[in-house]
Amino acid sequence: SEPAADRAGEPAAGEDFASRVLAVVDSIPPGRVM
């Protein structure tokens, strides 16, 4: 039940999803939206 980061030194699945979301959002050019 402990987060993956505590078990293997890697980000938990939710943290990985969050970082991927933020990377997509950061790639949206000015004047455009998703």
PDB file of all heavy atoms in Angstrom:
ATOM      1  N   SER A   1       0.816  -1.206   0.000  1.00  0.00           N
ATOM      2  CA  SER A   1       0.000   0.000   0.000  1.00  0.00           C
ATOM      3  C   SER A   1       0.854   1.263   0.000  1.00  0.00           C
ATOM      4  O   SER A   1       0.343   2.352  -0.175  1.00  0.00           O
ATOM      5  CB  SER A   1      -0.941   0.019   1.202  1.00  0.00           C
ATOM      6  OG  SER A   1      -0.192   0.071   2.393  1.00  0.00           O
ATOM      7  N   GLU A   2       2.170   1.131   0.172  1.00  0.00           N
ATOM      8  CA  GLU A   2       3.039   2.300   0.141  1.00  0.00           C
ATOM      9  C   GLU A   2       3.239   2.726  -1.302  1.00  0.00           C
ATOM     10  O   GLU A   2       3.225   1.909  -2.215  1.00  0.00           O
ATOM     11  CB  GLU A   2       4.395   1.967   0.776  1.00  0.00           C
ATOM     12  CG  GLU A   2       4.309   1.762   2.260  1.00  0.00           C
ATOM     13  CD  GLU A   2       5.671   1.498   2.875  1.00  0.00           C
ATOM     14  OE1 GLU A   2       6.676   1.923   2.292  1.00  0.00           O
ATOM     15  OE2 GLU A   2       5.708   0.869   3.932  1.00  0.00           O
ATOM     16  N   PRO A   3       3.435   4.028  -1.545  1.00  0.00           N
ATOM     17  CA  PRO A   3       3.654   4.507  -2.906  1.00  0.00           C
ATOM     18  C   PRO A   3       4.876   3.853  -3.532  1.00  0.00           C
ATOM     19  O   PRO A   3       5.822   3.486  -2.855  1.00  0.00           O
ATOM     20  CB  PRO A   3       3.884   6.014  -2.732  1.00  0.00           C
ATOM     21  CG  PRO A   3       3.339   6.342  -1.385  1.00  0.00           C
ATOM     22  CD  PRO A   3       3.427   5.092  -0.563  1.00  0.00           C
ATOM     23  N   ALA A   4       4.854   3.761  -4.857  1.00  0.00           N
ATOM     24  CA  ALA A   4       5.965   3.146  -5.577  1.00  0.00           C
ATOM     25  C   ALA A   4       7.278   3.851  -5.303  1.00  0.00           C
ATOM     26  O   ALA A   4       8.327   3.228  -5.275  1.00  0.00           O
ATOM     27  CB  ALA A   4       5.673   3.143  -7.079  1.00  0.00           C
ATOM     28  N   ALA A   5       7.246   5.155  -5.094  1.00  0.00           N
ATOM     29  CA  ALA A   5       8.476   5.898  -4.833  1.00  0.00           C
ATOM     30  C   ALA A   5       9.142   5.399  -3.560  1.00  0.00           C
ATOM     31  O   ALA A   5      10.359   5.375  -3.459  1.00  0.00           O
ATOM     32  CB  ALA A   5       8.178   7.391  -4.714  1.00  0.00           C
ATOM     33  N   ASP A   6       8.337   4.969  -2.585  1.00  0.00           N
ATOM     34  CA  ASP A   6       8.893   4.450  -1.343  1.00  0.00           C
ATOM     35  C   ASP A   6       9.426   3.031  -1.511  1.00  0.00           C
ATOM     36  O   ASP A   6      10.304   2.611  -0.806  1.00  0.00           O
ATOM     37  CB  ASP A   6       7.835   4.455  -0.235  1.00  0.00           C
ATOM     38  CG  ASP A   6       7.473   5.867   0.178  1.00  0.00           C
ATOM     39  OD1 ASP A   6       8.252   6.789  -0.106  1.00  0.00           O
ATOM     40  OD2 ASP A   6       6.402   6.022   0.779  1.00  0.00           O
ATOM     41  N   ARG A   7       8.866   2.295  -2.470  1.00  0.00           N
ATOM     42  CA  ARG A   7       9.257   0.908  -2.651  1.00  0.00           C
ATOM     43  C   ARG A   7      10.466   0.751  -3.562  1.00  0.00           C
ATOM     44  O   ARG A   7      11.321  -0.062  -3.310  1.00  0.00           O
ATOM     45  CB  ARG A   7       8.099   0.097  -3.237  1.00  0.00           C
ATOM     46  CG  ARG A   7       7.017  -0.169  -2.214  1.00  0.00           C
ATOM     47  CD  ARG A   7       5.923  -1.007  -2.798  1.00  0.00           C
ATOM     48  NE  ARG A   7       5.068  -0.117  -3.577  1.00  0.00           N
ATOM     49  CZ  ARG A   7       4.475  -0.449  -4.706  1.00  0.00           C
ATOM     50  NH1 ARG A   7       4.617  -1.623  -5.220  1.00  0.00           N
ATOM     51  NH2 ARG A   7       3.708   0.402  -5.343  1.00  0.00           N
ATOM     52  N   ALA A   8      10.540   1.521  -4.656  1.00  0.00           N
ATOM     53  CA  ALA A   8      11.584   1.268  -5.641  1.00  0.00           C
ATOM     54  C   ALA A   8      12.413   2.499  -5.974  1.00  0.00           C
ATOM     55  O   ALA A   8      13.221   2.459  -6.883  1.00  0.00           O
ATOM     56  CB  ALA A   8      10.945   0.715  -6.907  1.00  0.00           C
ATOM     57  N   GLY A   9      12.186   3.620  -5.312  1.00  0.00           N
ATOM     58  CA  GLY A   9      12.936   4.824  -5.628  1.00  0.00           C
ATOM     59  C   GLY A   9      12.500   5.486  -6.922  1.00  0.00           C
ATOM     60  O   GLY A   9      13.178   6.346  -7.455  1.00  0.00           O
ATOM     61  N   GLU A  10      11.364   5.072  -7.476  1.00  0.00           N
ATOM     62  CA  GLU A  10      10.839   5.639  -8.708  1.00  0.00           C
ATOM     63  C   GLU A  10       9.541   6.376  -8.390  1.00  0.00           C
ATOM     64  O   GLU A  10       8.914   6.127  -7.374  1.00  0.00           O
ATOM     65  CB  GLU A  10      10.557   4.529  -9.724  1.00  0.00           C
ATOM     66  CG  GLU A  10      11.796   3.773 -10.122  1.00  0.00           C
ATOM     67  CD  GLU A  10      11.482   2.592 -11.024  1.00  0.00           C
ATOM     68  OE1 GLU A  10      10.310   2.449 -11.429  1.00  0.00           O
ATOM     69  OE2 GLU A  10      12.396   1.829 -11.317  1.00  0.00           O
ATOM     70  N   PRO A  11       9.131   7.280  -9.287  1.00  0.00           N
ATOM     71  CA  PRO A  11       7.877   7.994  -9.036  1.00  0.00           C
ATOM     72  C   PRO A  11       6.691   7.034  -9.000  1.00  0.00           C
ATOM     73  O   PRO A  11       6.678   6.032  -9.698  1.00  0.00           O
ATOM     74  CB  PRO A  11       7.740   8.943 -10.234  1.00  0.00           C
ATOM     75  CG  PRO A  11       9.023   8.897 -10.968  1.00  0.00           C
ATOM     76  CD  PRO A  11       9.773   7.682 -10.516  1.00  0.00           C
ATOM     77  N   ALA A  12       5.712   7.348  -8.165  1.00  0.00           N
ATOM     78  CA  ALA A  12       4.472   6.580  -8.138  1.00  0.00           C
ATOM     79  C   ALA A  12       3.747   6.785  -9.458  1.00  0.00           C
ATOM     80  O   ALA A  12       3.956   7.775 -10.154  1.00  0.00           O
ATOM     81  CB  ALA A  12       3.601   7.028  -6.971  1.00  0.00           C
ATOM     82  N   ALA A  13       2.861   5.868  -9.810  1.00  0.00           N
ATOM     83  CA  ALA A  13       2.148   5.937 -11.082  1.00  0.00           C
ATOM     84  C   ALA A  13       1.420   7.268 -11.233  1.00  0.00           C
ATOM     85  O   ALA A  13       1.413   7.864 -12.304  1.00  0.00           O
ATOM     86  CB  ALA A  13       1.165   4.781 -11.195  1.00  0.00           C
ATOM     87  N   GLY A  14       0.793   7.772 -10.175  1.00  0.00           N
ATOM     88  CA  GLY A  14       0.087   9.051 -10.239  1.00  0.00           C
ATOM     89  C   GLY A  14       1.023  10.209 -10.499  1.00  0.00           C
ATOM     90  O   GLY A  14       0.700  11.136 -11.227  1.00  0.00           O
ATOM     91  N   GLU A  15       2.209  10.166  -9.918  1.00  0.00           N
ATOM     92  CA  GLU A  15       3.185  11.226 -10.152  1.00  0.00           C
ATOM     93  C   GLU A  15       3.651  11.194 -11.591  1.00  0.00           C
ATOM     94  O   GLU A  15       3.860  12.227 -12.208  1.00  0.00           O
ATOM     95  CB  GLU A  15       4.371  11.066  -9.203  1.00  0.00           C
ATOM     96  CG  GLU A  15       4.021  11.340  -7.759  1.00  0.00           C
ATOM     97  CD  GLU A  15       5.167  11.024  -6.821  1.00  0.00           C
ATOM     98  OE1 GLU A  15       6.311  10.883  -7.276  1.00  0.00           O
ATOM     99  OE2 GLU A  15       4.892  10.896  -5.625  1.00  0.00           O
ATOM    100  N   ASP A  16       3.823  10.010 -12.159  1.00  0.00           N
ATOM    101  CA  ASP A  16       4.234   9.889 -13.550  1.00  0.00           C
ATOM    102  C   ASP A  16       3.157  10.477 -14.455  1.00  0.00           C
ATOM    103  O   ASP A  16       3.465  11.222 -15.384  1.00  0.00           O
ATOM    104  CB  ASP A  16       4.495   8.427 -13.898  1.00  0.00           C
ATOM    105  CG  ASP A  16       4.948   8.262 -15.340  1.00  0.00           C
ATOM    106  OD1 ASP A  16       5.883   8.975 -15.750  1.00  0.00           O
ATOM    107  OD2 ASP A  16       4.358   7.429 -16.051  1.00  0.00           O
ATOM    108  N   PHE A  17       1.886  10.169 -14.187  1.00  0.00           N
ATOM    109  CA  PHE A  17       0.786  10.723 -14.975  1.00  0.00           C
ATOM    110  C   PHE A  17       0.801  12.244 -14.868  1.00  0.00           C
ATOM    111  O   PHE A  17       0.678  12.942 -15.870  1.00  0.00           O
ATOM    112  CB  PHE A  17      -0.553  10.152 -14.501  1.00  0.00           C
ATOM    113  CG  PHE A  17      -1.732  10.615 -15.316  1.00  0.00           C
ATOM    114  CD1 PHE A  17      -1.997  10.055 -16.550  1.00  0.00           C
ATOM    115  CD2 PHE A  17      -2.573  11.614 -14.849  1.00  0.00           C
ATOM    116  CE1 PHE A  17      -3.077  10.474 -17.322  1.00  0.00           C
ATOM    117  CE2 PHE A  17      -3.656  12.043 -15.593  1.00  0.00           C
ATOM    118  CZ  PHE A  17      -3.907  11.467 -16.841  1.00  0.00           C
ATOM    119  N   ALA A  18       0.992  12.750 -13.667  1.00  0.00           N
ATOM    120  CA  ALA A  18       1.015  14.203 -13.461  1.00  0.00           C
ATOM    121  C   ALA A  18       2.142  14.850 -14.255  1.00  0.00           C
ATOM    122  O   ALA A  18       1.927  15.873 -14.917  1.00  0.00           O
ATOM    123  CB  ALA A  18       1.143  14.527 -11.975  1.00  0.00           C
ATOM    124  N   SER A  19       3.320  14.282 -14.219  1.00  0.00           N
ATOM    125  CA  SER A  19       4.440  14.885 -14.951  1.00  0.00           C
ATOM    126  C   SER A  19       4.194  14.829 -16.455  1.00  0.00           C
ATOM    127  O   SER A  19       4.556  15.762 -17.176  1.00  0.00           O
ATOM    128  CB  SER A  19       5.764  14.216 -14.578  1.00  0.00           C
ATOM    129  OG  SER A  19       5.783  12.868 -14.975  1.00  0.00           O
ATOM    130  N   ARG A  20       3.544  13.782 -16.922  1.00  0.00           N
ATOM    131  CA  ARG A  20       3.228  13.681 -18.347  1.00  0.00           C
ATOM    132  C   ARG A  20       2.165  14.708 -18.742  1.00  0.00           C
ATOM    133  O   ARG A  20       2.249  15.322 -19.805  1.00  0.00           O
ATOM    134  CB  ARG A  20       2.790  12.261 -18.681  1.00  0.00           C
ATOM    135  CG  ARG A  20       3.960  11.270 -18.566  1.00  0.00           C
ATOM    136  CD  ARG A  20       3.553   9.816 -18.665  1.00  0.00           C
ATOM    137  NE  ARG A  20       2.722   9.540 -19.822  1.00  0.00           N
ATOM    138  CZ  ARG A  20       1.716   8.664 -19.824  1.00  0.00           C
ATOM    139  NH1 ARG A  20       1.424   7.987 -18.729  1.00  0.00           N
ATOM    140  NH2 ARG A  20       1.015   8.464 -20.907  1.00  0.00           N
ATOM    141  N   VAL A  21       1.164  14.897 -17.896  1.00  0.00           N
ATOM    142  CA  VAL A  21       0.144  15.920 -18.155  1.00  0.00           C
ATOM    143  C   VAL A  21       0.806  17.292 -18.253  1.00  0.00           C
ATOM    144  O   VAL A  21       0.571  18.056 -19.193  1.00  0.00           O
ATOM    145  CB  VAL A  21      -0.945  15.932 -17.055  1.00  0.00           C
ATOM    146  CG1 VAL A  21      -1.779  17.202 -17.112  1.00  0.00           C
ATOM    147  CG2 VAL A  21      -1.828  14.698 -17.166  1.00  0.00           C
ATOM    148  N   LEU A  22       1.649  17.606 -17.286  1.00  0.00           N
ATOM    149  CA  LEU A  22       2.294  18.918 -17.264  1.00  0.00           C
ATOM    150  C   LEU A  22       3.198  19.121 -18.472  1.00  0.00           C
ATOM    151  O   LEU A  22       3.280  20.227 -19.013  1.00  0.00           O
ATOM    152  CB  LEU A  22       3.067  19.103 -15.959  1.00  0.00           C
ATOM    153  CG  LEU A  22       2.188  19.092 -14.698  1.00  0.00           C
ATOM    154  CD1 LEU A  22       3.061  19.142 -13.453  1.00  0.00           C
ATOM    155  CD2 LEU A  22       1.166  20.214 -14.705  1.00  0.00           C
ATOM    156  N   ALA A  23       3.842  18.067 -18.943  1.00  0.00           N
ATOM    157  CA  ALA A  23       4.687  18.175 -20.140  1.00  0.00           C
ATOM    158  C   ALA A  23       3.847  18.485 -21.376  1.00  0.00           C
ATOM    159  O   ALA A  23       4.232  19.316 -22.209  1.00  0.00           O
ATOM    160  CB  ALA A  23       5.489  16.894 -20.336  1.00  0.00           C
ATOM    161  N   VAL A  24       2.682  17.831 -21.510  1.00  0.00           N
ATOM    162  CA  VAL A  24       1.796  18.109 -22.646  1.00  0.00           C
ATOM    163  C   VAL A  24       1.320  19.552 -22.589  1.00  0.00           C
ATOM    164  O   VAL A  24       1.369  20.285 -23.584  1.00  0.00           O
ATOM    165  CB  VAL A  24       0.597  17.131 -22.691  1.00  0.00           C
ATOM    166  CG1 VAL A  24      -0.453  17.587 -23.706  1.00  0.00           C
ATOM    167  CG2 VAL A  24       1.068  15.724 -23.013  1.00  0.00           C
ATOM    168  N   VAL A  25       0.865  19.988 -21.426  1.00  0.00           N
ATOM    169  CA  VAL A  25       0.355  21.354 -21.277  1.00  0.00           C
ATOM    170  C   VAL A  25       1.458  22.365 -21.585  1.00  0.00           C
ATOM    171  O   VAL A  25       1.229  23.361 -22.270  1.00  0.00           O
ATOM    172  CB  VAL A  25      -0.232  21.583 -19.871  1.00  0.00           C
ATOM    173  CG1 VAL A  25      -0.612  23.044 -19.665  1.00  0.00           C
ATOM    174  CG2 VAL A  25      -1.437  20.679 -19.653  1.00  0.00           C
ATOM    175  N   ASP A  26       2.655  22.094 -21.132  1.00  0.00           N
ATOM    176  CA  ASP A  26       3.779  23.001 -21.372  1.00  0.00           C
ATOM    177  C   ASP A  26       4.122  23.097 -22.857  1.00  0.00           C
ATOM    178  O   ASP A  26       4.699  24.087 -23.298  1.00  0.00           O
ATOM    179  CB  ASP A  26       4.992  22.537 -20.564  1.00  0.00           C
ATOM    180  CG  ASP A  26       5.968  23.649 -20.287  1.00  0.00           C
ATOM    181  OD1 ASP A  26       5.526  24.814 -20.113  1.00  0.00           O
ATOM    182  OD2 ASP A  26       7.183  23.373 -20.262  1.00  0.00           O
ATOM    183  N   SER A  27       3.744  22.090 -23.641  1.00  0.00           N
ATOM    184  CA  SER A  27       4.058  22.083 -25.071  1.00  0.00           C
ATOM    185  C   SER A  27       3.009  22.786 -25.934  1.00  0.00           C
ATOM    186  O   SER A  27       3.212  22.948 -27.133  1.00  0.00           O
ATOM    187  CB  SER A  27       4.228  20.637 -25.557  1.00  0.00           C
ATOM    188  OG  SER A  27       2.975  19.989 -25.662  1.00  0.00           O
ATOM    189  N   ILE A  28       1.893  23.206 -25.346  1.00  0.00           N
ATOM    190  CA  ILE A  28       0.840  23.881 -26.118  1.00  0.00           C
ATOM    191  C   ILE A  28       1.352  25.274 -26.493  1.00  0.00           C
ATOM    192  O   ILE A  28       1.727  26.050 -25.623  1.00  0.00           O
ATOM    193  CB  ILE A  28      -0.472  23.994 -25.320  1.00  0.00           C
ATOM    194  CG1 ILE A  28      -0.962  22.612 -24.881  1.00  0.00           C
ATOM    195  CG2 ILE A  28      -1.541  24.705 -26.157  1.00  0.00           C
ATOM    196  CD1 ILE A  28      -2.125  22.648 -23.893  1.00  0.00           C
ATOM    197  N   PRO A  29       1.373  25.598 -27.794  1.00  0.00           N
ATOM    198  CA  PRO A  29       1.897  26.908 -28.206  1.00  0.00           C
ATOM    199  C   PRO A  29       0.986  28.067 -27.789  1.00  0.00           C
ATOM    200  O   PRO A  29      -0.223  27.884 -27.614  1.00  0.00           O
ATOM    201  CB  PRO A  29       1.946  26.820 -29.730  1.00  0.00           C
ATOM    202  CG  PRO A  29       1.592  25.430 -30.103  1.00  0.00           C
ATOM    203  CD  PRO A  29       0.985  24.770 -28.914  1.00  0.00           C
ATOM    204  N   PRO A  30       1.560  29.259 -27.652  1.00  0.00           N
ATOM    205  CA  PRO A  30       0.745  30.446 -27.347  1.00  0.00           C
ATOM    206  C   PRO A  30      -0.361  30.621 -28.392  1.00  0.00           C
ATOM    207  O   PRO A  30      -0.152  30.386 -29.583  1.00  0.00           O
ATOM    208  CB  PRO A  30       1.749  31.596 -27.426  1.00  0.00           C
ATOM    209  CG  PRO A  30       3.073  30.954 -27.151  1.00  0.00           C
ATOM    210  CD  PRO A  30       2.978  29.577 -27.756  1.00  0.00           C
ATOM    211  N   GLY A  31      -1.541  31.019 -27.931  1.00  0.00           N
ATOM    212  CA  GLY A  31      -2.670  31.246 -28.817  1.00  0.00           C
ATOM    213  C   GLY A  31      -3.443  29.991 -29.164  1.00  0.00           C
ATOM    214  O   GLY A  31      -4.423  30.042 -29.896  1.00  0.00           O
ATOM    215  N   ARG A  32      -3.008  28.858 -28.647  1.00  0.00           N
ATOM    216  CA  ARG A  32      -3.659  27.583 -28.912  1.00  0.00           C
ATOM    217  C   ARG A  32      -4.118  26.975 -27.594  1.00  0.00           C
ATOM    218  O   ARG A  32      -3.607  27.334 -26.528  1.00  0.00           O
ATOM    219  CB  ARG A  32      -2.706  26.610 -29.619  1.00  0.00           C
ATOM    220  CG  ARG A  32      -2.074  27.138 -30.901  1.00  0.00           C
ATOM    221  CD  ARG A  32      -3.080  27.463 -32.001  1.00  0.00           C
ATOM    222  NE  ARG A  32      -3.836  26.316 -32.460  1.00  0.00           N
ATOM    223  CZ  ARG A  32      -3.451  25.474 -33.408  1.00  0.00           C
ATOM    224  NH1 ARG A  32      -2.295  25.623 -34.009  1.00  0.00           N
ATOM    225  NH2 ARG A  32      -4.216  24.465 -33.756  1.00  0.00           N
ATOM    226  N   VAL A  33      -5.058  26.031 -27.655  1.00  0.00           N
ATOM    227  CA  VAL A  33      -5.578  25.376 -26.452  1.00  0.00           C
ATOM    228  C   VAL A  33      -5.815  23.902 -26.719  1.00  0.00           C
ATOM    229  O   VAL A  33      -5.880  23.467 -27.869  1.00  0.00           O
ATOM    230  CB  VAL A  33      -6.906  26.006 -25.969  1.00  0.00           C
ATOM    231  CG1 VAL A  33      -6.736  27.473 -25.601  1.00  0.00           C
ATOM    232  CG2 VAL A  33      -8.009  25.824 -26.994  1.00  0.00           C
ATOM    233  N   MET A  34      -5.948  23.163 -25.635  1.00  0.00           N
ATOM    234  CA  MET A  34      -6.405  21.773 -25.671  1.00  0.00           C
ATOM    235  C   MET A  34      -7.464  21.640 -24.591  1.00  0.00           C
ATOM    236  O   MET A  34      -7.412  22.342 -23.586  1.00  0.00           O
ATOM    237  CB  MET A  34      -5.250  20.806 -25.394  1.00  0.00           C
ATOM    238  CG  MET A  34      -4.194  20.768 -26.474  1.00  0.00           C
ATOM    239  SD  MET A  34      -2.802  19.682 -26.072  1.00  0.00           S
ATOM    240  CE  MET A  34      -3.522  18.074 -26.411  1.00  0.00           C
TER     241      MET A  34
END
